[in-house]
Amino acid sequence: AHPYSAWASPAGQRLLGTLTRHVEEVG
């Protein structure tokens, strides 16, 4: 279950991970 989150479900965490990778590519 890592990373642990008080708000996002596992599906929500996966979408956040996708968004984070996109942020790193676009400025």
mmCIF file of all heavy atoms, coordinates in Angstrom:
data_MODEL
# 
_entry.id   MODEL 
# 
loop_
_atom_site.group_PDB 
_atom_site.id 
_atom_site.type_symbol 
_atom_site.label_atom_id 
_atom_site.label_alt_id 
_atom_site.label_comp_id 
_atom_site.label_asym_id 
_atom_site.label_entity_id 
_atom_site.label_seq_id 
_atom_site.pdbx_PDB_ins_code 
_atom_site.Cartn_x 
_atom_site.Cartn_y 
_atom_site.Cartn_z 
_atom_site.occupancy 
_atom_site.B_iso_or_equiv 
_atom_site.pdbx_formal_charge 
_atom_site.auth_seq_id 
_atom_site.auth_comp_id 
_atom_site.auth_asym_id 
_atom_site.auth_atom_id 
_atom_site.pdbx_PDB_model_num 
ATOM 1   N N   . ALA A 1 1  ? 0.798  -1.234 0.000   1.00 0.00 ? 1  ALA A N   1 
ATOM 2   C CA  . ALA A 1 1  ? 0.000  0.000  0.000   1.00 0.00 ? 1  ALA A CA  1 
ATOM 3   C C   . ALA A 1 1  ? 0.824  1.274  0.000   1.00 0.00 ? 1  ALA A C   1 
ATOM 4   O O   . ALA A 1 1  ? 0.263  2.362  0.099   1.00 0.00 ? 1  ALA A O   1 
ATOM 5   C CB  . ALA A 1 1  ? -0.936 0.009  1.220   1.00 0.00 ? 1  ALA A CB  1 
ATOM 6   N N   . HIS A 1 2  ? 2.136  1.205  -0.084  1.00 0.00 ? 2  HIS A N   1 
ATOM 7   C CA  . HIS A 1 2  ? 2.952  2.422  -0.081  1.00 0.00 ? 2  HIS A CA  1 
ATOM 8   C C   . HIS A 1 2  ? 2.910  3.085  -1.458  1.00 0.00 ? 2  HIS A C   1 
ATOM 9   O O   . HIS A 1 2  ? 2.916  2.382  -2.459  1.00 0.00 ? 2  HIS A O   1 
ATOM 10  C CB  . HIS A 1 2  ? 4.391  2.063  0.286   1.00 0.00 ? 2  HIS A CB  1 
ATOM 11  C CG  . HIS A 1 2  ? 5.231  3.250  0.641   1.00 0.00 ? 2  HIS A CG  1 
ATOM 12  N ND1 . HIS A 1 2  ? 5.990  3.920  -0.278  1.00 0.00 ? 2  HIS A ND1 1 
ATOM 13  C CD2 . HIS A 1 2  ? 5.417  3.885  1.819   1.00 0.00 ? 2  HIS A CD2 1 
ATOM 14  C CE1 . HIS A 1 2  ? 6.617  4.909  0.305   1.00 0.00 ? 2  HIS A CE1 1 
ATOM 15  N NE2 . HIS A 1 2  ? 6.291  4.919  1.587   1.00 0.00 ? 2  HIS A NE2 1 
ATOM 16  N N   . PRO A 1 3  ? 2.842  4.413  -1.594  1.00 0.00 ? 3  PRO A N   1 
ATOM 17  C CA  . PRO A 1 3  ? 2.854  5.403  -0.523  1.00 0.00 ? 3  PRO A CA  1 
ATOM 18  C C   . PRO A 1 3  ? 1.497  5.528  0.156   1.00 0.00 ? 3  PRO A C   1 
ATOM 19  O O   . PRO A 1 3  ? 0.467  5.349  -0.483  1.00 0.00 ? 3  PRO A O   1 
ATOM 20  C CB  . PRO A 1 3  ? 3.207  6.704  -1.259  1.00 0.00 ? 3  PRO A CB  1 
ATOM 21  C CG  . PRO A 1 3  ? 2.665  6.486  -2.640  1.00 0.00 ? 3  PRO A CG  1 
ATOM 22  C CD  . PRO A 1 3  ? 2.844  5.023  -2.935  1.00 0.00 ? 3  PRO A CD  1 
ATOM 23  N N   . TYR A 1 4  ? 1.522  5.834  1.446   1.00 0.00 ? 4  TYR A N   1 
ATOM 24  C CA  . TYR A 1 4  ? 0.291  5.948  2.220   1.00 0.00 ? 4  TYR A CA  1 
ATOM 25  C C   . TYR A 1 4  ? -0.338 7.321  1.985   1.00 0.00 ? 4  TYR A C   1 
ATOM 26  O O   . TYR A 1 4  ? 0.352  8.311  1.813   1.00 0.00 ? 4  TYR A O   1 
ATOM 27  C CB  . TYR A 1 4  ? 0.586  5.757  3.712   1.00 0.00 ? 4  TYR A CB  1 
ATOM 28  C CG  . TYR A 1 4  ? 1.513  4.611  4.000   1.00 0.00 ? 4  TYR A CG  1 
ATOM 29  C CD1 . TYR A 1 4  ? 2.686  4.811  4.721   1.00 0.00 ? 4  TYR A CD1 1 
ATOM 30  C CD2 . TYR A 1 4  ? 1.231  3.329  3.540   1.00 0.00 ? 4  TYR A CD2 1 
ATOM 31  C CE1 . TYR A 1 4  ? 3.551  3.762  4.984   1.00 0.00 ? 4  TYR A CE1 1 
ATOM 32  C CE2 . TYR A 1 4  ? 2.083  2.273  3.799   1.00 0.00 ? 4  TYR A CE2 1 
ATOM 33  C CZ  . TYR A 1 4  ? 3.250  2.493  4.518   1.00 0.00 ? 4  TYR A CZ  1 
ATOM 34  O OH  . TYR A 1 4  ? 4.102  1.456  4.766   1.00 0.00 ? 4  TYR A OH  1 
ATOM 35  N N   . SER A 1 5  ? -1.644 7.374  1.971   1.00 0.00 ? 5  SER A N   1 
ATOM 36  C CA  . SER A 1 5  ? -2.346 8.631  1.742   1.00 0.00 ? 5  SER A CA  1 
ATOM 37  C C   . SER A 1 5  ? -3.584 8.693  2.616   1.00 0.00 ? 5  SER A C   1 
ATOM 38  O O   . SER A 1 5  ? -4.285 7.698  2.784   1.00 0.00 ? 5  SER A O   1 
ATOM 39  C CB  . SER A 1 5  ? -2.760 8.759  0.264   1.00 0.00 ? 5  SER A CB  1 
ATOM 40  O OG  . SER A 1 5  ? -3.567 9.898  0.073   1.00 0.00 ? 5  SER A OG  1 
ATOM 41  N N   . ALA A 1 6  ? -3.831 9.882  3.174   1.00 0.00 ? 6  ALA A N   1 
ATOM 42  C CA  . ALA A 1 6  ? -5.025 10.080 3.982   1.00 0.00 ? 6  ALA A CA  1 
ATOM 43  C C   . ALA A 1 6  ? -6.227 10.464 3.131   1.00 0.00 ? 6  ALA A C   1 
ATOM 44  O O   . ALA A 1 6  ? -7.345 10.512 3.639   1.00 0.00 ? 6  ALA A O   1 
ATOM 45  C CB  . ALA A 1 6  ? -4.761 11.166 5.033   1.00 0.00 ? 6  ALA A CB  1 
ATOM 46  N N   . TRP A 1 7  ? -6.009 10.726 1.830   1.00 0.00 ? 7  TRP A N   1 
ATOM 47  C CA  . TRP A 1 7  ? -7.096 11.244 0.993   1.00 0.00 ? 7  TRP A CA  1 
ATOM 48  C C   . TRP A 1 7  ? -7.330 10.423 -0.262  1.00 0.00 ? 7  TRP A C   1 
ATOM 49  O O   . TRP A 1 7  ? -8.475 10.199 -0.645  1.00 0.00 ? 7  TRP A O   1 
ATOM 50  C CB  . TRP A 1 7  ? -6.801 12.705 0.602   1.00 0.00 ? 7  TRP A CB  1 
ATOM 51  C CG  . TRP A 1 7  ? -6.591 13.583 1.774   1.00 0.00 ? 7  TRP A CG  1 
ATOM 52  C CD1 . TRP A 1 7  ? -5.403 14.012 2.292   1.00 0.00 ? 7  TRP A CD1 1 
ATOM 53  C CD2 . TRP A 1 7  ? -7.606 14.135 2.630   1.00 0.00 ? 7  TRP A CD2 1 
ATOM 54  N NE1 . TRP A 1 7  ? -5.608 14.792 3.401   1.00 0.00 ? 7  TRP A NE1 1 
ATOM 55  C CE2 . TRP A 1 7  ? -6.955 14.882 3.629   1.00 0.00 ? 7  TRP A CE2 1 
ATOM 56  C CE3 . TRP A 1 7  ? -8.999 14.058 2.642   1.00 0.00 ? 7  TRP A CE3 1 
ATOM 57  C CZ2 . TRP A 1 7  ? -7.646 15.549 4.637   1.00 0.00 ? 7  TRP A CZ2 1 
ATOM 58  C CZ3 . TRP A 1 7  ? -9.697 14.731 3.635   1.00 0.00 ? 7  TRP A CZ3 1 
ATOM 59  C CH2 . TRP A 1 7  ? -9.022 15.465 4.613   1.00 0.00 ? 7  TRP A CH2 1 
ATOM 60  N N   . ALA A 1 8  ? -6.282 9.986  -0.918  1.00 0.00 ? 8  ALA A N   1 
ATOM 61  C CA  . ALA A 1 8  ? -6.420 9.306  -2.207  1.00 0.00 ? 8  ALA A CA  1 
ATOM 62  C C   . ALA A 1 8  ? -6.506 7.795  -2.030  1.00 0.00 ? 8  ALA A C   1 
ATOM 63  O O   . ALA A 1 8  ? -5.786 7.209  -1.221  1.00 0.00 ? 8  ALA A O   1 
ATOM 64  C CB  . ALA A 1 8  ? -5.254 9.657  -3.115  1.00 0.00 ? 8  ALA A CB  1 
ATOM 65  N N   . SER A 1 9  ? -7.382 7.169  -2.806  1.00 0.00 ? 9  SER A N   1 
ATOM 66  C CA  . SER A 1 9  ? -7.428 5.712  -2.877  1.00 0.00 ? 9  SER A CA  1 
ATOM 67  C C   . SER A 1 9  ? -6.232 5.249  -3.722  1.00 0.00 ? 9  SER A C   1 
ATOM 68  O O   . SER A 1 9  ? -5.538 6.069  -4.339  1.00 0.00 ? 9  SER A O   1 
ATOM 69  C CB  . SER A 1 9  ? -8.731 5.271  -3.537  1.00 0.00 ? 9  SER A CB  1 
ATOM 70  O OG  . SER A 1 9  ? -8.729 5.609  -4.915  1.00 0.00 ? 9  SER A OG  1 
ATOM 71  N N   . PRO A 1 10 ? -5.949 3.952  -3.786  1.00 0.00 ? 10 PRO A N   1 
ATOM 72  C CA  . PRO A 1 10 ? -4.862 3.498  -4.655  1.00 0.00 ? 10 PRO A CA  1 
ATOM 73  C C   . PRO A 1 10 ? -5.012 3.961  -6.100  1.00 0.00 ? 10 PRO A C   1 
ATOM 74  O O   . PRO A 1 10 ? -4.025 4.340  -6.741  1.00 0.00 ? 10 PRO A O   1 
ATOM 75  C CB  . PRO A 1 10 ? -4.944 1.970  -4.534  1.00 0.00 ? 10 PRO A CB  1 
ATOM 76  C CG  . PRO A 1 10 ? -5.488 1.740  -3.154  1.00 0.00 ? 10 PRO A CG  1 
ATOM 77  C CD  . PRO A 1 10 ? -6.470 2.852  -2.944  1.00 0.00 ? 10 PRO A CD  1 
ATOM 78  N N   . ALA A 1 11 ? -6.261 3.950  -6.618  1.00 0.00 ? 11 ALA A N   1 
ATOM 79  C CA  . ALA A 1 11 ? -6.477 4.430  -7.986  1.00 0.00 ? 11 ALA A CA  1 
ATOM 80  C C   . ALA A 1 11 ? -6.156 5.918  -8.091  1.00 0.00 ? 11 ALA A C   1 
ATOM 81  O O   . ALA A 1 11 ? -5.569 6.386  -9.068  1.00 0.00 ? 11 ALA A O   1 
ATOM 82  C CB  . ALA A 1 11 ? -7.914 4.167  -8.415  1.00 0.00 ? 11 ALA A CB  1 
ATOM 83  N N   . GLY A 1 12 ? -6.549 6.683  -7.070  1.00 0.00 ? 12 GLY A N   1 
ATOM 84  C CA  . GLY A 1 12 ? -6.238 8.106  -7.061  1.00 0.00 ? 12 GLY A CA  1 
ATOM 85  C C   . GLY A 1 12 ? -4.750 8.362  -6.984  1.00 0.00 ? 12 GLY A C   1 
ATOM 86  O O   . GLY A 1 12 ? -4.233 9.279  -7.629  1.00 0.00 ? 12 GLY A O   1 
ATOM 87  N N   . GLN A 1 13 ? -4.025 7.548  -6.211  1.00 0.00 ? 13 GLN A N   1 
ATOM 88  C CA  . GLN A 1 13 ? -2.581 7.699  -6.116  1.00 0.00 ? 13 GLN A CA  1 
ATOM 89  C C   . GLN A 1 13 ? -1.903 7.418  -7.452  1.00 0.00 ? 13 GLN A C   1 
ATOM 90  O O   . GLN A 1 13 ? -0.918 8.073  -7.811  1.00 0.00 ? 13 GLN A O   1 
ATOM 91  C CB  . GLN A 1 13 ? -2.039 6.766  -5.037  1.00 0.00 ? 13 GLN A CB  1 
ATOM 92  C CG  . GLN A 1 13 ? -2.463 7.161  -3.624  1.00 0.00 ? 13 GLN A CG  1 
ATOM 93  C CD  . GLN A 1 13 ? -1.857 6.246  -2.581  1.00 0.00 ? 13 GLN A CD  1 
ATOM 94  O OE1 . GLN A 1 13 ? -0.663 6.043  -2.524  1.00 0.00 ? 13 GLN A OE1 1 
ATOM 95  N NE2 . GLN A 1 13 ? -2.704 5.668  -1.752  1.00 0.00 ? 13 GLN A NE2 1 
ATOM 96  N N   . ARG A 1 14 ? -2.432 6.440  -8.181  1.00 0.00 ? 14 ARG A N   1 
ATOM 97  C CA  . ARG A 1 14 ? -1.836 6.139  -9.493  1.00 0.00 ? 14 ARG A CA  1 
ATOM 98  C C   . ARG A 1 14 ? -2.022 7.307  -10.456 1.00 0.00 ? 14 ARG A C   1 
ATOM 99  O O   . ARG A 1 14 ? -1.105 7.653  -11.217 1.00 0.00 ? 14 ARG A O   1 
ATOM 100 C CB  . ARG A 1 14 ? -2.452 4.858  -10.066 1.00 0.00 ? 14 ARG A CB  1 
ATOM 101 C CG  . ARG A 1 14 ? -1.970 3.592  -9.382  1.00 0.00 ? 14 ARG A CG  1 
ATOM 102 C CD  . ARG A 1 14 ? -2.346 2.370  -10.186 1.00 0.00 ? 14 ARG A CD  1 
ATOM 103 N NE  . ARG A 1 14 ? -3.784 2.153  -10.208 1.00 0.00 ? 14 ARG A NE  1 
ATOM 104 C CZ  . ARG A 1 14 ? -4.442 1.465  -9.291  1.00 0.00 ? 14 ARG A CZ  1 
ATOM 105 N NH1 . ARG A 1 14 ? -3.794 0.918  -8.268  1.00 0.00 ? 14 ARG A NH1 1 
ATOM 106 N NH2 . ARG A 1 14 ? -5.753 1.292  -9.378  1.00 0.00 ? 14 ARG A NH2 1 
ATOM 107 N N   . LEU A 1 15 ? -3.205 7.928  -10.419 1.00 0.00 ? 15 LEU A N   1 
ATOM 108 C CA  . LEU A 1 15 ? -3.429 9.082  -11.287 1.00 0.00 ? 15 LEU A CA  1 
ATOM 109 C C   . LEU A 1 15 ? -2.538 10.249 -10.880 1.00 0.00 ? 15 LEU A C   1 
ATOM 110 O O   . LEU A 1 15 ? -2.037 10.988 -11.735 1.00 0.00 ? 15 LEU A O   1 
ATOM 111 C CB  . LEU A 1 15 ? -4.897 9.500  -11.233 1.00 0.00 ? 15 LEU A CB  1 
ATOM 112 C CG  . LEU A 1 15 ? -5.885 8.621  -12.003 1.00 0.00 ? 15 LEU A CG  1 
ATOM 113 C CD1 . LEU A 1 15 ? -7.296 9.133  -11.833 1.00 0.00 ? 15 LEU A CD1 1 
ATOM 114 C CD2 . LEU A 1 15 ? -5.521 8.582  -13.480 1.00 0.00 ? 15 LEU A CD2 1 
ATOM 115 N N   . LEU A 1 16 ? -2.328 10.422 -9.569  1.00 0.00 ? 16 LEU A N   1 
ATOM 116 C CA  . LEU A 1 16 ? -1.424 11.470 -9.107  1.00 0.00 ? 16 LEU A CA  1 
ATOM 117 C C   . LEU A 1 16 ? -0.004 11.218 -9.599  1.00 0.00 ? 16 LEU A C   1 
ATOM 118 O O   . LEU A 1 16 ? 0.718  12.150 -9.965  1.00 0.00 ? 16 LEU A O   1 
ATOM 119 C CB  . LEU A 1 16 ? -1.444 11.543 -7.579  1.00 0.00 ? 16 LEU A CB  1 
ATOM 120 C CG  . LEU A 1 16 ? -2.629 12.274 -6.935  1.00 0.00 ? 16 LEU A CG  1 
ATOM 121 C CD1 . LEU A 1 16 ? -2.559 12.137 -5.423  1.00 0.00 ? 16 LEU A CD1 1 
ATOM 122 C CD2 . LEU A 1 16 ? -2.659 13.729 -7.345  1.00 0.00 ? 16 LEU A CD2 1 
ATOM 123 N N   . GLY A 1 17 ? 0.393  9.947  -9.604  1.00 0.00 ? 17 GLY A N   1 
ATOM 124 C CA  . GLY A 1 17 ? 1.719  9.612  -10.116 1.00 0.00 ? 17 GLY A CA  1 
ATOM 125 C C   . GLY A 1 17 ? 1.868  9.961  -11.575 1.00 0.00 ? 17 GLY A C   1 
ATOM 126 O O   . GLY A 1 17 ? 2.910  10.490 -12.012 1.00 0.00 ? 17 GLY A O   1 
ATOM 127 N N   . THR A 1 18 ? 0.817  9.715  -12.356 1.00 0.00 ? 18 THR A N   1 
ATOM 128 C CA  . THR A 1 18 ? 0.844  10.080 -13.775 1.00 0.00 ? 18 THR A CA  1 
ATOM 129 C C   . THR A 1 18 ? 0.942  11.590 -13.950 1.00 0.00 ? 18 THR A C   1 
ATOM 130 O O   . THR A 1 18 ? 1.703  12.087 -14.789 1.00 0.00 ? 18 THR A O   1 
ATOM 131 C CB  . THR A 1 18 ? -0.420 9.559  -14.473 1.00 0.00 ? 18 THR A CB  1 
ATOM 132 O OG1 . THR A 1 18 ? -0.502 8.140  -14.315 1.00 0.00 ? 18 THR A OG1 1 
ATOM 133 C CG2 . THR A 1 18 ? -0.408 9.905  -15.950 1.00 0.00 ? 18 THR A CG2 1 
ATOM 134 N N   . LEU A 1 19 ? 0.178  12.326 -13.135 1.00 0.00 ? 19 LEU A N   1 
ATOM 135 C CA  . LEU A 1 19 ? 0.214  13.785 -13.203 1.00 0.00 ? 19 LEU A CA  1 
ATOM 136 C C   . LEU A 1 19 ? 1.594  14.311 -12.821 1.00 0.00 ? 19 LEU A C   1 
ATOM 137 O O   . LEU A 1 19 ? 2.118  15.229 -13.451 1.00 0.00 ? 19 LEU A O   1 
ATOM 138 C CB  . LEU A 1 19 ? -0.847 14.379 -12.275 1.00 0.00 ? 19 LEU A CB  1 
ATOM 139 C CG  . LEU A 1 19 ? -0.917 15.910 -12.206 1.00 0.00 ? 19 LEU A CG  1 
ATOM 140 C CD1 . LEU A 1 19 ? -1.320 16.482 -13.544 1.00 0.00 ? 19 LEU A CD1 1 
ATOM 141 C CD2 . LEU A 1 19 ? -1.893 16.346 -11.120 1.00 0.00 ? 19 LEU A CD2 1 
ATOM 142 N N   . THR A 1 20 ? 2.204  13.727 -11.795 1.00 0.00 ? 20 THR A N   1 
ATOM 143 C CA  . THR A 1 20 ? 3.527  14.168 -11.352 1.00 0.00 ? 20 THR A CA  1 
ATOM 144 C C   . THR A 1 20 ? 4.569  13.968 -12.438 1.00 0.00 ? 20 THR A C   1 
ATOM 145 O O   . THR A 1 20 ? 5.413  14.836 -12.679 1.00 0.00 ? 20 THR A O   1 
ATOM 146 C CB  . THR A 1 20 ? 3.937  13.399 -10.086 1.00 0.00 ? 20 THR A CB  1 
ATOM 147 O OG1 . THR A 1 20 ? 2.956  13.620 -9.062  1.00 0.00 ? 20 THR A OG1 1 
ATOM 148 C CG2 . THR A 1 20 ? 5.297  13.872 -9.590  1.00 0.00 ? 20 THR A CG2 1 
ATOM 149 N N   . ARG A 1 21 ? 4.512  12.830 -13.124 1.00 0.00 ? 21 ARG A N   1 
ATOM 150 C CA  . ARG A 1 21 ? 5.474  12.592 -14.203 1.00 0.00 ? 21 ARG A CA  1 
ATOM 151 C C   . ARG A 1 21 ? 5.280  13.591 -15.333 1.00 0.00 ? 21 ARG A C   1 
ATOM 152 O O   . ARG A 1 21 ? 6.247  14.054 -15.949 1.00 0.00 ? 21 ARG A O   1 
ATOM 153 C CB  . ARG A 1 21 ? 5.324  11.161 -14.720 1.00 0.00 ? 21 ARG A CB  1 
ATOM 154 C CG  . ARG A 1 21 ? 5.844  10.116 -13.745 1.00 0.00 ? 21 ARG A CG  1 
ATOM 155 C CD  . ARG A 1 21 ? 5.917  8.755  -14.404 1.00 0.00 ? 21 ARG A CD  1 
ATOM 156 N NE  . ARG A 1 21 ? 4.599  8.250  -14.766 1.00 0.00 ? 21 ARG A NE  1 
ATOM 157 C CZ  . ARG A 1 21 ? 3.838  7.541  -13.947 1.00 0.00 ? 21 ARG A CZ  1 
ATOM 158 N NH1 . ARG A 1 21 ? 4.255  7.254  -12.719 1.00 0.00 ? 21 ARG A NH1 1 
ATOM 159 N NH2 . ARG A 1 21 ? 2.653  7.095  -14.342 1.00 0.00 ? 21 ARG A NH2 1 
ATOM 160 N N   . HIS A 1 22 ? 4.017  13.952 -15.609 1.00 0.00 ? 22 HIS A N   1 
ATOM 161 C CA  . HIS A 1 22 ? 3.746  14.938 -16.660 1.00 0.00 ? 22 HIS A CA  1 
ATOM 162 C C   . HIS A 1 22 ? 4.281  16.309 -16.257 1.00 0.00 ? 22 HIS A C   1 
ATOM 163 O O   . HIS A 1 22 ? 4.818  17.047 -17.092 1.00 0.00 ? 22 HIS A O   1 
ATOM 164 C CB  . HIS A 1 22 ? 2.242  15.018 -16.915 1.00 0.00 ? 22 HIS A CB  1 
ATOM 165 C CG  . HIS A 1 22 ? 1.866  16.041 -17.946 1.00 0.00 ? 22 HIS A CG  1 
ATOM 166 N ND1 . HIS A 1 22 ? 2.141  15.898 -19.286 1.00 0.00 ? 22 HIS A ND1 1 
ATOM 167 C CD2 . HIS A 1 22 ? 1.244  17.251 -17.818 1.00 0.00 ? 22 HIS A CD2 1 
ATOM 168 C CE1 . HIS A 1 22 ? 1.700  16.948 -19.950 1.00 0.00 ? 22 HIS A CE1 1 
ATOM 169 N NE2 . HIS A 1 22 ? 1.156  17.793 -19.084 1.00 0.00 ? 22 HIS A NE2 1 
ATOM 170 N N   . VAL A 1 23 ? 4.141  16.655 -14.972 1.00 0.00 ? 23 VAL A N   1 
ATOM 171 C CA  . VAL A 1 23 ? 4.626  17.944 -14.487 1.00 0.00 ? 23 VAL A CA  1 
ATOM 172 C C   . VAL A 1 23 ? 6.132  18.052 -14.672 1.00 0.00 ? 23 VAL A C   1 
ATOM 173 O O   . VAL A 1 23 ? 6.666  19.110 -15.011 1.00 0.00 ? 23 VAL A O   1 
ATOM 174 C CB  . VAL A 1 23 ? 4.248  18.124 -12.998 1.00 0.00 ? 23 VAL A CB  1 
ATOM 175 C CG1 . VAL A 1 23 ? 5.017  19.280 -12.383 1.00 0.00 ? 23 VAL A CG1 1 
ATOM 176 C CG2 . VAL A 1 23 ? 2.751  18.357 -12.870 1.00 0.00 ? 23 VAL A CG2 1 
ATOM 177 N N   . GLU A 1 24 ? 6.835  16.948 -14.454 1.00 0.00 ? 24 GLU A N   1 
ATOM 178 C CA  . GLU A 1 24 ? 8.288  16.960 -14.579 1.00 0.00 ? 24 GLU A CA  1 
ATOM 179 C C   . GLU A 1 24 ? 8.735  17.153 -16.021 1.00 0.00 ? 24 GLU A C   1 
ATOM 180 O O   . GLU A 1 24 ? 9.852  17.593 -16.280 1.00 0.00 ? 24 GLU A O   1 
ATOM 181 C CB  . GLU A 1 24 ? 8.861  15.657 -14.023 1.00 0.00 ? 24 GLU A CB  1 
ATOM 182 C CG  . GLU A 1 24 ? 8.650  15.504 -12.516 1.00 0.00 ? 24 GLU A CG  1 
ATOM 183 C CD  . GLU A 1 24 ? 9.080  14.148 -12.014 1.00 0.00 ? 24 GLU A CD  1 
ATOM 184 O OE1 . GLU A 1 24 ? 9.357  13.270 -12.866 1.00 0.00 ? 24 GLU A OE1 1 
ATOM 185 O OE2 . GLU A 1 24 ? 9.127  13.948 -10.785 1.00 0.00 ? 24 GLU A OE2 1 
ATOM 186 N N   . GLU A 1 25 ? 7.855  16.841 -16.971 1.00 0.00 ? 25 GLU A N   1 
ATOM 187 C CA  . GLU A 1 25 ? 8.216  16.938 -18.382 1.00 0.00 ? 25 GLU A CA  1 
ATOM 188 C C   . GLU A 1 25 ? 7.835  18.280 -18.993 1.00 0.00 ? 25 GLU A C   1 
ATOM 189 O O   . GLU A 1 25 ? 8.386  18.668 -20.025 1.00 0.00 ? 25 GLU A O   1 
ATOM 190 C CB  . GLU A 1 25 ? 7.521  15.810 -19.166 1.00 0.00 ? 25 GLU A CB  1 
ATOM 191 C CG  . GLU A 1 25 ? 7.964  14.406 -18.730 1.00 0.00 ? 25 GLU A CG  1 
ATOM 192 C CD  . GLU A 1 25 ? 7.110  13.330 -19.366 1.00 0.00 ? 25 GLU A CD  1 
ATOM 193 O OE1 . GLU A 1 25 ? 6.172  13.690 -20.100 1.00 0.00 ? 25 GLU A OE1 1 
ATOM 194 O OE2 . GLU A 1 25 ? 7.375  12.135 -19.131 1.00 0.00 ? 25 GLU A OE2 1 
ATOM 195 N N   . VAL A 1 26 ? 6.870  18.967 -18.398 1.00 0.00 ? 26 VAL A N   1 
ATOM 196 C CA  . VAL A 1 26 ? 6.357  20.222 -18.967 1.00 0.00 ? 26 VAL A CA  1 
ATOM 197 C C   . VAL A 1 26 ? 6.672  21.358 -18.001 1.00 0.00 ? 26 VAL A C   1 
ATOM 198 O O   . VAL A 1 26 ? 6.581  21.206 -16.795 1.00 0.00 ? 26 VAL A O   1 
ATOM 199 C CB  . VAL A 1 26 ? 4.834  20.124 -19.210 1.00 0.00 ? 26 VAL A CB  1 
ATOM 200 C CG1 . VAL A 1 26 ? 4.319  21.410 -19.838 1.00 0.00 ? 26 VAL A CG1 1 
ATOM 201 C CG2 . VAL A 1 26 ? 4.520  18.930 -20.102 1.00 0.00 ? 26 VAL A CG2 1 
ATOM 202 N N   . GLY A 1 27 ? 6.995  22.524 -18.541 1.00 0.00 ? 27 GLY A N   1 
ATOM 203 C CA  . GLY A 1 27 ? 7.369  23.634 -17.677 1.00 0.00 ? 27 GLY A CA  1 
ATOM 204 C C   . GLY A 1 27 ? 6.462  24.840 -17.782 1.00 0.00 ? 27 GLY A C   1 
ATOM 205 O O   . GLY A 1 27 ? 6.907  25.954 -17.527 1.00 0.00 ? 27 GLY A O   1 
# 
